[in-house]
Amino acid sequence: MTGIEELQQTDPAGLETLEQFARAKQFNRWLFDTIAPWCSGEILEVGSGIGNLSSFFLEQGFALTATDLRKEYCHLLQKHFGNHPGLQQVVNLDLVAPDFNTRYSSLSASYDTVVALNVIEHIRNDDLAIAHCHQMLKPGGNAVILVPAYQWLYNSFDKELGHYKRYNARRLSRLMERQGFDVIGTRYFNAAGIFGWWLSGSLLRKKIIPANQLKTFNKLVPLFRLIDQITFHRLGLSVIAIGRKK
């Protein structure tokens, strides 16, 4: 059984969502451009999935360690990017493993940037997850954390994707501060996505983001970038926090 076939059985909603977003090239570029100013040096990407953002890090010349909780995704990452000179390694990473300190001792204080995009909301013990992000950073390094915004938007999409909760800027900042970070900035991302998420997930109760909806959204990304600028990043479907290790 191939990695894709295994994932179709063990993580069908997650795989389908990742594959849909893989085709949303403009959206992925927008997301990368948004977080890139806080990324430098050696990067560890938590929850790389099928590599939708990993490819941008490698194209831009970063030294990347790609990781995922599922071995099947790790196999796909190795297959897709294994020959790229910028890929340092692919790690099967459990961010809340009970034996994290011993199992991943080689990752401790090793990275200039730790990036976790749409990862923390999947973990019940989010304090421990953030603590381990902190542990893998070098002193002065940045953690770039993106999570879904606003608990009132929690709906059938979140349930199907295995989200425990949604956040706001204050809640995310406090979470990171509890684990020793200096939060140097927060911002919301993708204000235009709020209505579509609410319509399809809350009102129509769909379980997977409709492919046609995402395709249309991707075409309109230039407009949606402008909307985020006009609203000064004060609302959005996601919230981003940047924490610096003291």
Protein backbone atom coordinates (compact mmCIF):
# COMPACT_ATOMS: atom_id res chain seq x y z
CA MET A 1 0.00 0.00 0.00
CA THR A 2 1.40 3.41 -0.98
CA GLY A 3 1.61 6.39 1.36
CA ILE A 4 -1.28 8.06 -0.47
CA GLU A 5 -3.48 4.97 -0.17
CA GLU A 6 -2.71 4.68 3.55
CA LEU A 7 -3.54 8.35 4.10
CA GLN A 8 -6.80 7.99 2.21
CA GLN A 9 -7.78 5.50 4.90
CA THR A 10 -6.20 7.04 8.02
CA ASP A 11 -6.48 10.79 7.30
CA PRO A 12 -8.99 11.23 4.46
CA ALA A 13 -10.19 14.73 5.35
CA GLY A 14 -6.69 16.01 6.04
CA LEU A 15 -5.24 14.57 2.83
CA GLU A 16 -8.08 15.87 0.67
CA THR A 17 -7.75 19.33 2.21
CA LEU A 18 -3.98 19.40 1.70
CA GLU A 19 -4.32 18.24 -1.90
CA GLN A 20 -6.90 20.95 -2.60
CA PHE A 21 -4.64 23.60 -1.12
CA ALA A 22 -1.70 22.25 -3.13
CA ARG A 23 -3.57 23.48 -6.21
CA ALA A 24 -4.19 26.90 -4.63
CA LYS A 25 -0.82 28.32 -5.68
CA GLN A 26 -1.69 31.98 -5.19
CA PHE A 27 -3.02 31.34 -1.69
CA ASN A 28 0.11 29.41 -0.69
CA ARG A 29 2.32 32.22 -2.01
CA TRP A 30 0.27 34.76 -0.04
CA LEU A 31 0.65 32.74 3.15
CA PHE A 32 4.38 32.31 2.62
CA ASP A 33 4.88 36.01 1.86
CA THR A 34 3.01 36.84 5.07
CA ILE A 35 5.26 34.79 7.35
CA ALA A 36 8.56 35.15 5.47
CA PRO A 37 9.70 38.39 7.19
CA TRP A 38 10.07 36.47 10.48
CA CYS A 39 11.86 33.47 8.99
CA SER A 40 15.63 33.21 8.83
CA GLY A 41 18.51 30.78 8.99
CA GLU A 42 17.84 27.13 9.71
CA ILE A 43 14.11 26.40 9.75
CA LEU A 44 12.12 23.58 11.30
CA GLU A 45 8.62 23.26 9.87
CA VAL A 46 6.19 21.47 12.19
CA GLY A 47 3.47 19.58 10.34
CA SER A 48 4.75 19.88 6.79
CA GLY A 49 2.02 17.62 5.40
CA ILE A 50 2.58 17.11 1.68
CA GLY A 51 4.90 20.12 1.47
CA ASN A 52 2.63 22.94 0.30
CA LEU A 53 4.76 25.52 2.15
CA SER A 54 7.96 23.46 2.28
CA SER A 55 8.50 24.06 -1.42
CA PHE A 56 8.59 27.83 -0.88
CA PHE A 57 11.17 27.60 1.90
CA LEU A 58 13.39 25.47 -0.33
CA GLU A 59 12.91 27.72 -3.37
CA GLN A 60 13.95 30.73 -1.29
CA GLY A 61 17.19 29.07 -0.21
CA PHE A 62 16.38 28.23 3.40
CA ALA A 63 17.92 25.22 5.13
CA LEU A 64 14.78 23.25 5.98
CA THR A 65 13.98 20.41 8.33
CA ALA A 66 10.52 19.15 7.36
CA THR A 67 8.47 17.19 9.89
CA ASP A 68 5.14 15.51 10.34
CA LEU A 69 3.36 13.38 12.91
CA ARG A 70 2.31 10.81 10.33
CA LYS A 71 4.99 8.58 8.82
CA GLU A 72 3.06 8.47 5.54
CA TYR A 73 3.46 12.23 5.10
CA CYS A 74 7.14 11.95 5.98
CA HIS A 75 7.58 9.37 3.22
CA LEU A 76 5.90 11.70 0.73
CA LEU A 77 8.08 14.62 1.82
CA GLN A 78 11.21 12.54 1.38
CA LYS A 79 10.02 11.40 -2.04
CA HIS A 80 9.19 14.93 -3.22
CA PHE A 81 12.11 16.88 -1.75
CA GLY A 82 14.76 14.31 -0.83
CA ASN A 83 17.11 15.38 -3.63
CA HIS A 84 16.84 19.11 -2.89
CA PRO A 85 20.11 20.49 -1.47
CA GLY A 86 18.23 22.73 0.98
CA LEU A 87 16.44 19.85 2.70
CA GLN A 88 18.41 18.94 5.81
CA GLN A 89 16.23 16.05 6.93
CA VAL A 90 12.67 14.78 7.29
CA VAL A 91 11.67 13.94 10.86
CA ASN A 92 8.68 11.95 12.10
CA LEU A 93 7.89 14.46 14.87
CA ASP A 94 5.34 14.05 17.64
CA LEU A 95 5.24 17.49 19.23
CA VAL A 96 3.74 16.18 22.48
CA ALA A 97 5.50 12.82 22.76
CA PRO A 98 5.97 11.77 26.42
CA ASP A 99 9.65 11.06 25.72
CA PHE A 100 10.16 14.19 23.61
CA ASN A 101 13.36 15.27 25.39
CA THR A 102 15.16 12.00 24.73
CA ARG A 103 13.62 11.08 21.38
CA TYR A 104 14.35 14.47 19.83
CA SER A 105 17.41 15.56 21.81
CA SER A 106 19.26 16.32 18.56
CA LEU A 107 16.66 19.00 17.71
CA SER A 108 17.01 20.94 20.98
CA ALA A 109 18.21 24.56 20.56
CA SER A 110 19.05 23.83 16.92
CA TYR A 111 16.91 26.19 14.83
CA ASP A 112 16.70 29.88 14.06
CA THR A 113 13.01 29.60 13.18
CA VAL A 114 10.28 27.12 14.07
CA VAL A 115 7.17 27.39 11.91
CA ALA A 116 3.86 25.73 12.86
CA LEU A 117 1.01 26.57 10.51
CA ASN A 118 -2.38 25.04 11.28
CA VAL A 119 -0.84 22.57 13.72
CA ILE A 120 -1.41 23.66 17.33
CA GLU A 121 -5.21 23.51 17.06
CA HIS A 122 -4.90 19.74 16.47
CA ILE A 123 -3.24 19.21 19.87
CA ARG A 124 -5.23 19.05 23.08
CA ASN A 125 -2.21 19.98 25.24
CA ASP A 126 -1.30 23.14 23.34
CA ASP A 127 0.88 24.40 26.22
CA LEU A 128 3.18 21.41 25.85
CA ALA A 129 3.26 21.79 22.07
CA ILE A 130 4.35 25.42 22.34
CA ALA A 131 6.90 24.54 25.04
CA HIS A 132 8.55 22.07 22.68
CA CYS A 133 8.59 24.64 19.87
CA HIS A 134 10.44 26.90 22.31
CA GLN A 135 12.85 24.10 23.19
CA MET A 136 13.89 23.51 19.57
CA LEU A 137 14.81 27.17 19.00
CA LYS A 138 18.21 28.74 19.45
CA PRO A 139 18.25 31.72 21.85
CA GLY A 140 16.93 34.72 19.94
CA GLY A 141 15.10 32.50 17.46
CA ASN A 142 11.51 33.03 16.29
CA ALA A 143 8.48 30.77 16.46
CA VAL A 144 5.88 31.58 13.81
CA ILE A 145 2.54 30.12 14.87
CA LEU A 146 -0.64 30.27 12.77
CA VAL A 147 -3.94 28.87 14.05
CA PRO A 148 -7.65 29.21 13.17
CA ALA A 149 -9.25 32.37 14.55
CA TYR A 150 -12.43 32.94 16.59
CA GLN A 151 -14.13 30.19 18.55
CA TRP A 152 -17.53 31.29 17.21
CA LEU A 153 -16.40 30.05 13.79
CA TYR A 154 -15.84 26.50 15.08
CA ASN A 155 -17.94 24.26 12.84
CA SER A 156 -18.14 21.00 10.89
CA PHE A 157 -14.88 21.74 9.05
CA ASP A 158 -13.03 21.99 12.36
CA LYS A 159 -14.57 18.77 13.66
CA GLU A 160 -13.70 16.82 10.52
CA LEU A 161 -10.13 18.12 10.53
CA GLY A 162 -9.62 17.25 14.19
CA HIS A 163 -9.40 20.77 15.62
CA TYR A 164 -9.80 21.09 19.38
CA LYS A 165 -10.32 24.84 19.42
CA ARG A 166 -9.90 28.16 17.63
CA TYR A 167 -8.02 31.17 19.01
CA ASN A 168 -7.81 34.93 19.02
CA ALA A 169 -4.70 37.10 19.22
CA ARG A 170 -4.88 37.50 23.00
CA ARG A 171 -5.40 33.81 23.68
CA LEU A 172 -2.54 32.81 21.39
CA SER A 173 -0.22 35.44 22.85
CA ARG A 174 -0.90 34.31 26.40
CA LEU A 175 -0.29 30.70 25.41
CA MET A 176 3.13 31.59 24.01
CA GLU A 177 4.05 33.87 26.91
CA ARG A 178 3.34 31.07 29.39
CA GLN A 179 6.07 29.05 27.71
CA GLY A 180 8.70 31.77 27.91
CA PHE A 181 8.28 33.59 24.60
CA ASP A 182 8.40 37.32 24.08
CA VAL A 183 5.52 37.89 21.67
CA ILE A 184 6.87 40.46 19.25
CA GLY A 185 3.84 40.64 16.99
CA THR A 186 0.37 39.33 16.16
CA ARG A 187 -1.83 39.78 13.14
CA TYR A 188 -4.92 38.27 11.60
CA PHE A 189 -4.81 36.69 8.16
CA ASN A 190 -7.41 36.19 5.41
CA ALA A 191 -10.37 38.36 6.39
CA ALA A 192 -12.16 37.46 3.17
CA GLY A 193 -12.18 33.77 4.08
CA ILE A 194 -14.44 34.26 7.11
CA PHE A 195 -17.71 34.36 5.16
CA GLY A 196 -16.96 31.28 3.06
CA TRP A 197 -15.90 29.26 6.10
CA TRP A 198 -19.07 30.26 7.97
CA LEU A 199 -21.36 29.69 4.98
CA SER A 200 -20.07 26.23 4.03
CA GLY A 201 -19.11 24.92 7.46
CA SER A 202 -21.63 26.53 9.83
CA LEU A 203 -24.71 27.16 7.69
CA LEU A 204 -24.46 24.35 5.09
CA ARG A 205 -22.56 22.01 7.49
CA LYS A 206 -20.23 20.64 4.84
CA LYS A 207 -17.34 18.51 6.09
CA ILE A 208 -14.74 19.34 3.42
CA ILE A 209 -14.01 22.73 1.87
CA PRO A 210 -15.70 22.62 -1.56
CA ALA A 211 -13.11 22.40 -4.33
CA ASN A 212 -14.88 24.96 -6.54
CA GLN A 213 -15.07 27.40 -3.65
CA LEU A 214 -11.35 27.13 -3.01
CA LYS A 215 -10.57 27.40 -6.73
CA THR A 216 -12.55 30.64 -6.97
CA PHE A 217 -10.98 31.94 -3.77
CA ASN A 218 -7.50 31.26 -5.16
CA LYS A 219 -8.24 33.33 -8.27
CA LEU A 220 -9.31 36.27 -6.09
CA VAL A 221 -6.24 36.24 -3.83
CA PRO A 222 -4.92 39.60 -5.16
CA LEU A 223 -8.19 41.22 -4.03
CA PHE A 224 -8.12 39.43 -0.68
CA ARG A 225 -4.55 40.57 -0.04
CA LEU A 226 -5.81 44.12 -0.49
CA ILE A 227 -8.70 43.54 1.91
CA ASP A 228 -6.25 42.41 4.62
CA GLN A 229 -4.25 45.61 4.08
CA ILE A 230 -7.36 47.79 4.21
CA THR A 231 -8.50 46.17 7.47
CA PHE A 232 -4.97 46.53 8.93
CA HIS A 233 -4.86 42.78 9.63
CA ARG A 234 -7.31 43.24 12.52
CA LEU A 235 -9.59 40.37 11.53
CA GLY A 236 -9.18 37.14 9.63
CA LEU A 237 -9.92 33.45 9.38
CA SER A 238 -6.52 32.76 10.98
CA VAL A 239 -4.35 34.50 13.55
CA ILE A 240 -0.56 34.59 13.55
CA ALA A 241 1.77 35.22 16.49
CA ILE A 242 5.53 35.58 16.41
CA GLY A 243 7.31 34.62 19.59
CA ARG A 244 11.01 35.21 20.25
CA LYS A 245 13.04 32.97 22.53
CA LYS A 246 14.72 35.10 25.16
